């Protein structure tokens, strides 16, 4: 029987000097980030994720997830001021034999079949790490058969997937690369999100509920889409 894959969503802090902060403003960007994160949560629930650990305040959750149904699925962890404290928080949530998945809250492109595929990879009787990166090689998410502190280097946006692999200290680990996801950090990423959601073949990446919320943002900032 497949052991639980514990899922973590790391809330990416937006800096005031970032491109997207300047383009959207603090209030609209906070709303946009909530939509991104809650869309991922909904898709994880569709994929039957058993346990989701969130490094966010509970108020960040969409009201649909406040139902009693979800109380045993979510664990809320206080986000440390810097990523340095993150390994200890995650380690407390994991047993040595547990498999896990962690994604940045500003990533997009997740869908239930992707999670099913990850579970299949982690079922292999080997030490496996699945890395999800954008076409520009920015890291978005990862899944692994065991936890170690060095895996969380991927939270540093300066690392590409190759930087990450070269810095790892597990020569016997198998790395599997996927390019399904991307992080929404720049105006160009914002346009890419709009482009993807404009195509019917990507309907599985977003429910109508969150599609409508994304659309409101796109209409408000339609000048950025040109």
C-alpha atoms as a PDB file:
ATOM      1  CA  UNK A   1       0.000   0.000   0.000  1.00  0.00           C
ATOM      2  CA  UNK A   2       1.292   3.458  -0.942  1.00  0.00           C
ATOM      3  CA  UNK A   3       2.323   5.492   2.090  1.00  0.00           C
ATOM      4  CA  UNK A   4       1.001   9.005   2.542  1.00  0.00           C
ATOM      5  CA  UNK A   5       2.670  11.755   0.544  1.00  0.00           C
ATOM      6  CA  UNK A   6       2.550  14.755   2.836  1.00  0.00           C
ATOM      7  CA  UNK A   7       2.084  18.035   0.943  1.00  0.00           C
ATOM      8  CA  UNK A   8       3.513  21.421   1.919  1.00  0.00           C
ATOM      9  CA  UNK A   9       2.665  24.823   0.455  1.00  0.00           C
ATOM     10  CA  UNK A  10       5.328  27.429   1.126  1.00  0.00           C
ATOM     11  CA  UNK A  11       4.072  31.018   1.030  1.00  0.00           C
ATOM     12  CA  UNK A  12       6.466  33.040  -1.103  1.00  0.00           C
ATOM     13  CA  UNK A  13       7.140  36.489   0.310  1.00  0.00           C
ATOM     14  CA  UNK A  14       6.755  39.304  -2.209  1.00  0.00           C
ATOM     15  CA  UNK A  15       9.314  42.075  -1.934  1.00  0.00           C
ATOM     16  CA  UNK A  16       8.179  45.667  -2.383  1.00  0.00           C
ATOM     17  CA  UNK A  17      10.828  46.251  -5.027  1.00  0.00           C
ATOM     18  CA  UNK A  18       9.680  43.273  -7.106  1.00  0.00           C
ATOM     19  CA  UNK A  19       8.308  43.784 -10.610  1.00  0.00           C
ATOM     20  CA  UNK A  20       4.887  42.312  -9.899  1.00  0.00           C
ATOM     21  CA  UNK A  21       4.510  44.320  -6.674  1.00  0.00           C
ATOM     22  CA  UNK A  22       5.151  47.499  -8.646  1.00  0.00           C
ATOM     23  CA  UNK A  23       2.724  46.478 -11.404  1.00  0.00           C
ATOM     24  CA  UNK A  24      -0.236  45.345  -9.278  1.00  0.00           C
ATOM     25  CA  UNK A  25       0.228  47.155  -5.971  1.00  0.00           C
ATOM     26  CA  UNK A  26       0.141  45.584  -2.512  1.00  0.00           C
ATOM     27  CA  UNK A  27      -3.608  44.985  -2.199  1.00  0.00           C
ATOM     28  CA  UNK A  28      -4.200  43.504  -5.649  1.00  0.00           C
ATOM     29  CA  UNK A  29      -1.045  41.383  -5.445  1.00  0.00           C
ATOM     30  CA  UNK A  30      -2.125  39.949  -2.078  1.00  0.00           C
ATOM     31  CA  UNK A  31      -5.491  39.048  -3.626  1.00  0.00           C
ATOM     32  CA  UNK A  32      -3.793  37.529  -6.668  1.00  0.00           C
ATOM     33  CA  UNK A  33      -1.458  35.436  -4.492  1.00  0.00           C
ATOM     34  CA  UNK A  34      -4.398  34.143  -2.462  1.00  0.00           C
ATOM     35  CA  UNK A  35      -6.101  33.001  -5.682  1.00  0.00           C
ATOM     36  CA  UNK A  36      -2.932  31.242  -6.884  1.00  0.00           C
ATOM     37  CA  UNK A  37      -2.465  29.423  -3.590  1.00  0.00           C
ATOM     38  CA  UNK A  38      -6.106  28.445  -3.118  1.00  0.00           C
ATOM     39  CA  UNK A  39      -6.281  27.138  -6.678  1.00  0.00           C
ATOM     40  CA  UNK A  40      -3.388  24.787  -5.874  1.00  0.00           C
ATOM     41  CA  UNK A  41      -5.087  23.723  -2.642  1.00  0.00           C
ATOM     42  CA  UNK A  42      -8.301  22.887  -4.477  1.00  0.00           C
ATOM     43  CA  UNK A  43      -6.435  20.788  -7.038  1.00  0.00           C
ATOM     44  CA  UNK A  44      -4.506  18.970  -4.295  1.00  0.00           C
ATOM     45  CA  UNK A  45      -7.818  18.113  -2.632  1.00  0.00           C
ATOM     46  CA  UNK A  46      -9.147  16.873  -5.985  1.00  0.00           C
ATOM     47  CA  UNK A  47      -6.039  14.686  -6.160  1.00  0.00           C
ATOM     48  CA  UNK A  48      -6.974  13.210  -2.747  1.00  0.00           C
ATOM     49  CA  UNK A  49      -4.015  14.698  -0.908  1.00  0.00           C
ATOM     50  CA  UNK A  50      -4.258  13.285   2.603  1.00  0.00           C
ATOM     51  CA  UNK A  51      -2.424  15.974   4.564  1.00  0.00           C
ATOM     52  CA  UNK A  52      -1.633  19.554   3.489  1.00  0.00           C
ATOM     53  CA  UNK A  53       0.718  21.687   5.602  1.00  0.00           C
ATOM     54  CA  UNK A  54       0.422  25.425   4.984  1.00  0.00           C
ATOM     55  CA  UNK A  55       3.009  28.049   5.896  1.00  0.00           C
ATOM     56  CA  UNK A  56       0.322  30.731   5.880  1.00  0.00           C
ATOM     57  CA  UNK A  57      -2.215  32.289   8.192  1.00  0.00           C
ATOM     58  CA  UNK A  58      -5.536  30.443   8.203  1.00  0.00           C
ATOM     59  CA  UNK A  59      -7.244  33.629   6.974  1.00  0.00           C
ATOM     60  CA  UNK A  60      -5.442  33.161   3.636  1.00  0.00           C
ATOM     61  CA  UNK A  61      -7.704  30.205   2.892  1.00  0.00           C
ATOM     62  CA  UNK A  62     -10.695  30.687   0.657  1.00  0.00           C
ATOM     63  CA  UNK A  63     -13.941  30.435   2.616  1.00  0.00           C
ATOM     64  CA  UNK A  64     -14.802  27.162   0.846  1.00  0.00           C
ATOM     65  CA  UNK A  65     -11.978  25.446   2.758  1.00  0.00           C
ATOM     66  CA  UNK A  66     -13.189  26.536   6.204  1.00  0.00           C
ATOM     67  CA  UNK A  67     -15.729  23.714   6.271  1.00  0.00           C
ATOM     68  CA  UNK A  68     -15.540  21.035   8.960  1.00  0.00           C
ATOM     69  CA  UNK A  69     -14.780  18.555   6.172  1.00  0.00           C
ATOM     70  CA  UNK A  70     -11.221  19.847   5.869  1.00  0.00           C
ATOM     71  CA  UNK A  71     -10.222  20.294   9.508  1.00  0.00           C
ATOM     72  CA  UNK A  72      -8.244  17.024   9.601  1.00  0.00           C
ATOM     73  CA  UNK A  73      -6.490  17.687   6.277  1.00  0.00           C
ATOM     74  CA  UNK A  74      -4.880  21.079   6.959  1.00  0.00           C
ATOM     75  CA  UNK A  75      -2.052  21.830   9.359  1.00  0.00           C
ATOM     76  CA  UNK A  76      -1.090  25.485   9.751  1.00  0.00           C
ATOM     77  CA  UNK A  77       2.543  26.257  10.449  1.00  0.00           C
ATOM     78  CA  UNK A  78       3.843  29.665  11.364  1.00  0.00           C
ATOM     79  CA  UNK A  79       6.013  30.922   8.544  1.00  0.00           C
ATOM     80  CA  UNK A  80       9.498  31.797   9.811  1.00  0.00           C
ATOM     81  CA  UNK A  81      10.953  35.200   9.000  1.00  0.00           C
ATOM     82  CA  UNK A  82      13.581  33.508   6.843  1.00  0.00           C
ATOM     83  CA  UNK A  83      13.635  30.053   5.200  1.00  0.00           C
ATOM     84  CA  UNK A  84      16.367  28.987   7.658  1.00  0.00           C
ATOM     85  CA  UNK A  85      13.816  27.719  10.154  1.00  0.00           C
ATOM     86  CA  UNK A  86      11.786  25.849   7.568  1.00  0.00           C
ATOM     87  CA  UNK A  87      13.638  22.508   7.671  1.00  0.00           C
ATOM     88  CA  UNK A  88      12.926  22.089  11.372  1.00  0.00           C
ATOM     89  CA  UNK A  89       9.233  22.857  10.888  1.00  0.00           C
ATOM     90  CA  UNK A  90       8.936  20.377   8.033  1.00  0.00           C
ATOM     91  CA  UNK A  91      11.013  17.752   9.800  1.00  0.00           C
ATOM     92  CA  UNK A  92       8.619  17.880  12.760  1.00  0.00           C
ATOM     93  CA  UNK A  93       5.794  17.028  10.393  1.00  0.00           C
ATOM     94  CA  UNK A  94       7.561  14.086   8.778  1.00  0.00           C
ATOM     95  CA  UNK A  95       8.564  10.664   9.912  1.00  0.00           C
ATOM     96  CA  UNK A  96      11.813   9.351   8.481  1.00  0.00           C
ATOM     97  CA  UNK A  97      10.029   7.005   6.093  1.00  0.00           C
ATOM     98  CA  UNK A  98       7.497   9.508   4.817  1.00  0.00           C
ATOM     99  CA  UNK A  99       7.420  10.830   1.299  1.00  0.00           C
ATOM    100  CA  UNK A 100       6.598  14.471   0.667  1.00  0.00           C
ATOM    101  CA  UNK A 101       5.728  17.143  -1.876  1.00  0.00           C
ATOM    102  CA  UNK A 102       6.394  20.860  -1.456  1.00  0.00           C
ATOM    103  CA  UNK A 103       5.351  23.639  -3.797  1.00  0.00           C
ATOM    104  CA  UNK A 104       5.722  27.396  -3.802  1.00  0.00           C
ATOM    105  CA  UNK A 105       2.432  29.205  -3.300  1.00  0.00           C
ATOM    106  CA  UNK A 106       2.996  31.378  -6.386  1.00  0.00           C
ATOM    107  CA  UNK A 107       3.415  28.427  -8.742  1.00  0.00           C
ATOM    108  CA  UNK A 108       0.846  27.456 -11.371  1.00  0.00           C
ATOM    109  CA  UNK A 109       0.240  24.440 -13.571  1.00  0.00           C
ATOM    110  CA  UNK A 110      -0.522  21.814 -10.948  1.00  0.00           C
ATOM    111  CA  UNK A 111      -3.286  19.308 -11.726  1.00  0.00           C
ATOM    112  CA  UNK A 112      -4.509  16.081 -10.082  1.00  0.00           C
ATOM    113  CA  UNK A 113      -2.927  13.722 -12.632  1.00  0.00           C
ATOM    114  CA  UNK A 114       0.453  15.333 -11.939  1.00  0.00           C
ATOM    115  CA  UNK A 115       0.095  14.414  -8.260  1.00  0.00           C
ATOM    116  CA  UNK A 116      -0.874  10.873  -9.215  1.00  0.00           C
ATOM    117  CA  UNK A 117       2.249  10.673 -11.382  1.00  0.00           C
ATOM    118  CA  UNK A 118       4.369  11.941  -8.489  1.00  0.00           C
ATOM    119  CA  UNK A 119       2.982   9.217  -6.240  1.00  0.00           C
ATOM    120  CA  UNK A 120       3.964   6.629  -8.844  1.00  0.00           C
ATOM    121  CA  UNK A 121       7.525   7.954  -8.975  1.00  0.00           C
ATOM    122  CA  UNK A 122       7.778   7.899  -5.186  1.00  0.00           C
ATOM    123  CA  UNK A 123       6.543   4.306  -5.140  1.00  0.00           C
ATOM    124  CA  UNK A 124       9.835   3.244  -6.736  1.00  0.00           C
ATOM    125  CA  UNK A 125      12.055   1.388  -4.282  1.00  0.00           C
ATOM    126  CA  UNK A 126      14.861   3.896  -4.708  1.00  0.00           C
ATOM    127  CA  UNK A 127      15.868   7.289  -3.347  1.00  0.00           C
ATOM    128  CA  UNK A 128      13.997   9.597  -5.747  1.00  0.00           C
ATOM    129  CA  UNK A 129      13.598  13.352  -6.090  1.00  0.00           C
ATOM    130  CA  UNK A 130      11.149  14.771  -8.644  1.00  0.00           C
ATOM    131  CA  UNK A 131      11.879  18.398  -9.582  1.00  0.00           C
ATOM    132  CA  UNK A 132       9.253  20.598 -11.198  1.00  0.00           C
ATOM    133  CA  UNK A 133      10.687  23.610 -13.011  1.00  0.00           C
ATOM    134  CA  UNK A 134       9.575  26.213 -15.520  1.00  0.00           C
ATOM    135  CA  UNK A 135      10.959  26.324 -19.048  1.00  0.00           C
ATOM    136  CA  UNK A 136      13.401  28.945 -17.768  1.00  0.00           C
ATOM    137  CA  UNK A 137      14.581  26.331 -15.204  1.00  0.00           C
ATOM    138  CA  UNK A 138      13.238  28.182 -12.175  1.00  0.00           C
ATOM    139  CA  UNK A 139      12.254  25.677  -9.506  1.00  0.00           C
ATOM    140  CA  UNK A 140       8.573  25.525  -8.574  1.00  0.00           C
ATOM    141  CA  UNK A 141       8.049  22.334  -6.594  1.00  0.00           C
ATOM    142  CA  UNK A 142       9.609  19.035  -5.657  1.00  0.00           C
ATOM    143  CA  UNK A 143       8.679  15.630  -4.349  1.00  0.00           C
ATOM    144  CA  UNK A 144      11.020  13.199  -2.623  1.00  0.00           C
ATOM    145  CA  UNK A 145      11.108   9.831  -0.938  1.00  0.00           C
ATOM    146  CA  UNK A 146      12.910  11.233   2.103  1.00  0.00           C
ATOM    147  CA  UNK A 147      13.598  14.587   3.658  1.00  0.00           C
ATOM    148  CA  UNK A 148      16.943  16.285   4.126  1.00  0.00           C
ATOM    149  CA  UNK A 149      17.727  19.941   4.795  1.00  0.00           C
ATOM    150  CA  UNK A 150      19.567  20.475   1.522  1.00  0.00           C
ATOM    151  CA  UNK A 151      16.402  19.763  -0.491  1.00  0.00           C
ATOM    152  CA  UNK A 152      14.991  23.082   0.644  1.00  0.00           C
ATOM    153  CA  UNK A 153      17.590  25.044  -1.246  1.00  0.00           C
ATOM    154  CA  UNK A 154      14.952  25.124  -3.953  1.00  0.00           C
ATOM    155  CA  UNK A 155      13.179  27.883  -1.996  1.00  0.00           C
ATOM    156  CA  UNK A 156      16.002  30.208  -2.977  1.00  0.00           C
ATOM    157  CA  UNK A 157      14.814  31.800  -6.228  1.00  0.00           C
ATOM    158  CA  UNK A 158      18.401  32.334  -7.332  1.00  0.00           C
ATOM    159  CA  UNK A 159      18.842  28.605  -7.993  1.00  0.00           C
ATOM    160  CA  UNK A 160      18.025  26.947 -11.304  1.00  0.00           C
ATOM    161  CA  UNK A 161      17.305  23.240 -11.354  1.00  0.00           C
ATOM    162  CA  UNK A 162      20.879  22.481 -12.454  1.00  0.00           C
ATOM    163  CA  UNK A 163      22.345  24.620  -9.655  1.00  0.00           C
ATOM    164  CA  UNK A 164      20.179  22.677  -7.261  1.00  0.00           C
ATOM    165  CA  UNK A 165      21.246  19.248  -8.478  1.00  0.00           C
ATOM    166  CA  UNK A 166      24.959  20.117  -8.530  1.00  0.00           C
ATOM    167  CA  UNK A 167      24.756  21.282  -4.923  1.00  0.00           C
ATOM    168  CA  UNK A 168      23.108  18.114  -3.628  1.00  0.00           C
ATOM    169  CA  UNK A 169      25.057  15.730  -1.453  1.00  0.00           C
ATOM    170  CA  UNK A 170      23.157  12.527  -2.318  1.00  0.00           C
ATOM    171  CA  UNK A 171      25.026  10.861  -5.217  1.00  0.00           C
ATOM    172  CA  UNK A 172      22.749   7.813  -5.095  1.00  0.00           C
ATOM    173  CA  UNK A 173      19.545   9.776  -5.481  1.00  0.00           C
ATOM    174  CA  UNK A 174      17.644   9.584  -8.777  1.00  0.00           C
ATOM    175  CA  UNK A 175      16.468  12.931 -10.151  1.00  0.00           C
ATOM    176  CA  UNK A 176      13.433  13.199 -12.389  1.00  0.00           C
ATOM    177  CA  UNK A 177      12.730  16.512 -14.139  1.00  0.00           C
ATOM    178  CA  UNK A 178       9.295  17.803 -15.046  1.00  0.00           C
ATOM    179  CA  UNK A 179       8.438  21.101 -16.769  1.00  0.00           C
ATOM    180  CA  UNK A 180       4.723  21.264 -15.977  1.00  0.00           C
ATOM    181  CA  UNK A 181       4.798  24.242 -13.609  1.00  0.00           C
ATOM    182  CA  UNK A 182       5.970  27.830 -13.550  1.00  0.00           C
ATOM    183  CA  UNK A 183       6.191  30.518 -10.877  1.00  0.00           C
ATOM    184  CA  UNK A 184       4.336  33.796 -11.332  1.00  0.00           C
ATOM    185  CA  UNK A 185       6.971  36.356 -10.345  1.00  0.00           C
ATOM    186  CA  UNK A 186       7.090  38.884 -13.172  1.00  0.00           C
ATOM    187  CA  UNK A 187       4.777  40.719 -15.551  1.00  0.00           C
ATOM    188  CA  UNK A 188       5.871  38.264 -18.262  1.00  0.00           C
ATOM    189  CA  UNK A 189       4.751  35.405 -15.974  1.00  0.00           C
ATOM    190  CA  UNK A 190       1.450  37.223 -15.420  1.00  0.00           C
ATOM    191  CA  UNK A 191       0.959  37.305 -19.195  1.00  0.00           C
ATOM    192  CA  UNK A 192       1.891  33.617 -19.449  1.00  0.00           C
ATOM    193  CA  UNK A 193      -0.750  32.769 -16.859  1.00  0.00           C
ATOM    194  CA  UNK A 194      -3.322  34.718 -18.868  1.00  0.00           C
ATOM    195  CA  UNK A 195      -2.224  32.929 -22.054  1.00  0.00           C
ATOM    196  CA  UNK A 196      -2.543  29.485 -20.478  1.00  0.00           C
ATOM    197  CA  UNK A 197      -5.955  30.197 -19.004  1.00  0.00           C
ATOM    198  CA  UNK A 198      -7.138  31.446 -22.402  1.00  0.00           C
ATOM    199  CA  UNK A 199      -6.795  27.957 -23.926  1.00  0.00           C
ATOM    200  CA  UNK A 200      -9.512  25.370 -23.372  1.00  0.00           C
ATOM    201  CA  UNK A 201      -6.984  22.535 -23.201  1.00  0.00           C
ATOM    202  CA  UNK A 202      -5.806  23.975 -19.867  1.00  0.00           C
ATOM    203  CA  UNK A 203      -9.212  23.779 -18.228  1.00  0.00           C
ATOM    204  CA  UNK A 204      -7.871  21.117 -15.851  1.00  0.00           C
ATOM    205  CA  UNK A 205      -5.471  23.666 -14.293  1.00  0.00           C
ATOM    206  CA  UNK A 206      -8.184  25.765 -12.725  1.00  0.00           C
ATOM    207  CA  UNK A 207     -11.825  25.380 -11.651  1.00  0.00           C
ATOM    208  CA  UNK A 208     -14.421  27.844 -12.929  1.00  0.00           C
ATOM    209  CA  UNK A 209     -14.601  29.319  -9.436  1.00  0.00           C
ATOM    210  CA  UNK A 210     -10.950  30.368  -9.478  1.00  0.00           C
ATOM    211  CA  UNK A 211     -10.957  31.049 -13.210  1.00  0.00           C
ATOM    212  CA  UNK A 212     -13.538  33.758 -12.592  1.00  0.00           C
ATOM    213  CA  UNK A 213     -11.372  35.253  -9.848  1.00  0.00           C
ATOM    214  CA  UNK A 214      -8.298  35.270 -12.093  1.00  0.00           C
ATOM    215  CA  UNK A 215     -10.412  36.902 -14.812  1.00  0.00           C
ATOM    216  CA  UNK A 216     -11.320  39.773 -12.494  1.00  0.00           C
ATOM    217  CA  UNK A 217      -7.616  40.440 -11.939  1.00  0.00           C
ATOM    218  CA  UNK A 218      -6.878  40.253 -15.669  1.00  0.00           C
ATOM    219  CA  UNK A 219      -9.668  42.725 -16.453  1.00  0.00           C
ATOM    220  CA  UNK A 220      -8.451  45.141 -13.788  1.00  0.00           C
ATOM    221  CA  UNK A 221      -4.901  45.015 -15.144  1.00  0.00           C
ATOM    222  CA  UNK A 222      -5.627  44.455 -18.832  1.00  0.00           C
ATOM    223  CA  UNK A 223      -2.963  46.997 -19.784  1.00  0.00           C
ATOM    224  CA  UNK A 224      -0.307  44.560 -18.552  1.00  0.00           C
ATOM    225  CA  UNK A 225      -1.516  41.917 -20.980  1.00  0.00           C
ATOM    226  CA  UNK A 226      -0.600  43.834 -24.120  1.00  0.00           C
END
